Protein backbone atom coordinates (compact mmCIF):
# COMPACT_ATOMS: atom_id res chain seq x y z
CA MET A 1 12.74 5.31 -38.06
CA ARG A 2 14.63 2.66 -36.08
CA TRP A 3 15.72 5.35 -33.57
CA LEU A 4 12.11 6.42 -32.99
CA VAL A 5 11.08 2.83 -32.32
CA PHE A 6 14.06 2.44 -29.96
CA LEU A 7 13.23 5.67 -28.09
CA ILE A 8 9.60 4.66 -27.69
CA ALA A 9 10.63 1.21 -26.47
CA MET A 10 12.93 2.80 -23.89
CA GLY A 11 10.22 5.18 -22.71
CA VAL A 12 12.22 8.27 -23.72
CA ALA A 13 9.61 9.63 -26.10
CA GLY A 14 7.09 10.24 -23.31
CA VAL A 15 5.65 6.74 -23.41
CA THR A 16 5.77 4.84 -20.14
CA LEU A 17 6.04 1.09 -20.04
CA GLY A 18 3.92 -1.05 -17.72
CA CYS A 19 3.20 -0.81 -14.01
CA GLU A 20 1.49 2.55 -14.26
CA LYS A 21 -1.77 1.35 -12.72
CA PRO A 22 -2.75 -1.29 -10.16
CA ALA A 23 -3.81 -3.80 -12.84
CA ASP A 24 -0.22 -3.89 -14.18
CA LEU A 25 1.21 -5.32 -10.95
CA VAL A 26 1.85 -8.93 -9.95
CA GLN A 27 1.09 -10.44 -6.56
CA VAL A 28 4.05 -10.85 -4.20
CA GLY A 29 2.38 -12.33 -1.14
CA GLU A 30 -0.71 -12.66 0.99
CA GLY A 31 -1.27 -13.05 4.71
CA LYS A 32 -4.23 -13.19 7.06
CA LEU A 33 -4.41 -11.17 10.24
CA ARG A 34 -6.16 -12.89 13.12
CA VAL A 35 -6.36 -11.38 16.59
CA TRP A 36 -7.47 -13.56 19.48
CA GLY A 37 -8.76 -16.07 16.93
CA PHE A 38 -10.89 -13.52 15.04
CA SER A 39 -10.18 -12.84 11.37
CA ILE A 40 -9.57 -9.13 10.76
CA TYR A 41 -8.39 -8.99 7.15
CA THR A 42 -6.42 -10.63 4.38
CA ALA A 43 -3.51 -8.46 3.23
CA THR A 44 -2.08 -8.82 -0.28
CA SER A 45 1.00 -7.08 -1.70
CA TYR A 46 1.73 -6.39 -5.38
CA ARG A 47 4.69 -4.97 -7.26
CA CYS A 48 5.96 -4.49 -10.78
CA ALA A 49 7.36 -7.77 -12.12
CA ASP A 50 10.85 -6.25 -12.49
CA THR A 51 11.16 -4.80 -8.96
CA ARG A 52 11.80 -6.25 -5.51
CA LEU A 53 10.41 -5.34 -2.09
CA GLY A 54 13.69 -6.04 -0.29
CA ASP A 55 13.24 -6.08 3.47
CA GLY A 56 10.14 -3.85 3.26
CA SER A 57 11.65 -1.02 5.24
CA GLN A 58 11.35 1.55 2.42
CA VAL A 59 8.79 0.60 -0.23
CA GLN A 60 8.92 2.50 -3.50
CA GLY A 61 6.35 2.54 -6.28
CA PRO A 62 4.97 0.99 -8.20
CA PHE A 63 3.54 -0.99 -5.29
CA MET A 64 0.09 -1.88 -4.01
CA LEU A 65 -1.15 -3.16 -0.67
CA SER A 66 -4.76 -4.39 -0.43
CA LEU A 67 -6.65 -5.29 2.71
CA THR A 68 -9.82 -7.35 2.32
CA TYR A 69 -11.77 -7.03 5.54
CA ALA A 70 -13.34 -10.02 7.30
CA ARG A 71 -15.53 -7.77 9.47
CA ASP A 72 -17.07 -4.31 9.61
CA ILE A 73 -14.68 -1.65 10.94
CA ASP A 74 -15.46 2.04 11.25
CA ARG A 75 -13.17 4.70 9.84
CA ASN A 76 -12.19 6.02 13.28
CA ALA A 77 -10.92 2.59 14.33
CA LEU A 78 -8.83 2.43 11.13
CA LEU A 79 -7.41 5.89 11.81
CA ASP A 80 -6.64 5.02 15.44
CA ALA A 81 -4.86 1.83 14.41
CA THR A 82 -2.82 3.73 11.80
CA ARG A 83 -1.79 6.38 14.34
CA ASP A 84 -0.94 3.74 16.95
CA GLN A 85 1.26 1.78 14.54
CA TRP A 86 3.09 4.89 13.35
CA GLN A 87 3.76 5.85 16.96
CA ARG A 88 4.93 2.36 17.84
CA LEU A 89 7.33 2.32 14.87
CA GLY A 90 8.48 5.92 15.42
CA LEU A 91 7.22 6.98 11.98
CA ALA A 92 5.40 10.08 10.68
CA LYS A 93 6.18 12.12 13.80
CA ASP A 94 5.88 15.49 12.06
CA GLN A 95 3.47 14.63 9.25
CA GLY A 96 1.26 12.17 11.14
CA PRO A 97 -1.52 14.58 12.19
CA ALA A 98 -1.85 16.06 8.68
CA TRP A 99 -1.78 12.61 7.07
CA LEU A 100 -4.39 11.27 9.49
CA SER A 101 -6.60 14.26 8.66
CA ALA A 102 -6.20 13.52 4.94
CA LEU A 103 -7.03 9.85 5.53
CA ALA A 104 -10.12 10.84 7.54
CA SER A 105 -11.40 12.71 4.49
CA LEU A 106 -10.69 9.75 2.17
CA TRP A 107 -11.61 6.61 4.06
CA PRO A 108 -15.15 5.38 4.66
CA ASP A 109 -16.20 2.80 7.19
CA VAL A 110 -15.41 -0.65 5.77
CA LYS A 111 -17.81 -3.55 5.64
CA LYS A 112 -17.09 -7.26 5.66
CA GLY A 113 -15.76 -8.15 2.20
CA ASP A 114 -14.60 -4.61 1.33
CA ARG A 115 -11.13 -4.23 -0.15
CA LEU A 116 -9.20 -1.06 0.75
CA SER A 117 -6.06 -0.62 -1.36
CA LEU A 118 -3.08 1.71 -1.41
CA PHE A 119 -1.32 2.13 -4.77
CA ILE A 120 2.00 3.98 -4.88
CA ASP A 121 3.02 5.07 -8.37
CA ARG A 122 6.55 5.58 -9.70
CA ALA A 123 6.52 9.26 -8.68
CA GLY A 124 5.65 8.34 -5.08
CA GLN A 125 2.05 9.54 -5.19
CA SER A 126 -0.29 7.40 -3.09
CA MET A 127 -3.83 6.59 -4.21
CA PHE A 128 -6.49 4.82 -2.19
CA TYR A 129 -9.20 2.60 -3.66
CA LEU A 130 -12.22 0.94 -2.12
CA ASN A 131 -13.30 -2.10 -4.14
CA ASP A 132 -11.57 -0.66 -7.24
CA ARG A 133 -13.25 2.77 -6.86
CA ARG A 134 -10.69 5.53 -6.42
CA LEU A 135 -11.18 7.39 -3.14
CA GLY A 136 -8.44 10.00 -3.52
CA GLU A 137 -4.74 10.57 -3.15
CA ILE A 138 -1.96 11.86 -0.97
CA ALA A 139 0.76 13.34 -3.18
CA GLU A 140 3.60 13.52 -0.62
CA PRO A 141 6.22 10.89 -1.58
CA ALA A 142 7.01 10.15 2.09
CA PHE A 143 3.43 9.08 2.85
CA GLY A 144 3.26 5.78 0.92
CA PRO A 145 6.38 4.21 2.43
CA ALA A 146 5.31 5.32 5.94
CA PHE A 147 1.86 3.80 5.46
CA ALA A 148 3.17 0.55 3.95
CA ALA A 149 5.68 0.28 6.82
CA ILE A 150 2.79 -0.54 9.16
CA TRP A 151 2.83 -4.00 7.53
CA LEU A 152 6.31 -4.24 6.02
CA HIS A 153 8.72 -2.59 8.46
CA PRO A 154 11.19 -5.04 10.05
CA ASP A 155 9.60 -4.22 13.43
CA ALA A 156 5.97 -4.50 12.21
CA SER A 157 3.51 -5.76 14.84
CA TYR A 158 2.41 -8.84 12.91
CA GLN A 159 5.55 -10.59 11.70
CA GLN A 160 3.76 -13.55 10.08
CA VAL A 161 1.71 -11.16 7.92
CA ARG A 162 4.89 -9.20 7.08
CA THR A 163 6.75 -12.34 6.02
CA ALA A 164 3.85 -13.42 3.83
CA LEU A 165 3.55 -9.97 2.20
CA LEU A 166 7.26 -9.99 1.37
CA GLY A 167 6.76 -13.29 -0.46
CA GLY A 168 7.79 -15.69 2.29
CA SER A 169 5.76 -18.62 3.50
């Protein structure tokens, strides 16, 4: 009997322990993006309590990034910004068009106060949520790190937001 309890505690008997859903994660950092004095969004990063984000260059799950928008932004503007950042960082060269097409089918226009979140699970599957309602997923393990890199890559456009998301001040 002790061995069964030990195996369950170690997760070997098919039971997974913590951090399997967004609610299991702890906040790492939060930063506000302002452009020309206008608030765009507040970005918040979350991870499993026993993992680290490192330098942010290659995020692995479980991880969540949430953006709470300070203004209305249409889906096409979100897609354009995603494409532009991937191009600027030299990411998603081959997969970019397919991923943008998948995002176009998932994302709605966002309104002021909406929270759009990316959750990457342990297997590398990426799920999007709008205000806690699941929008859909992209199963390719390379997608989540490439998307999170927009904010966390060492060469990210908004270094103050990056530093805050990685837990700095």
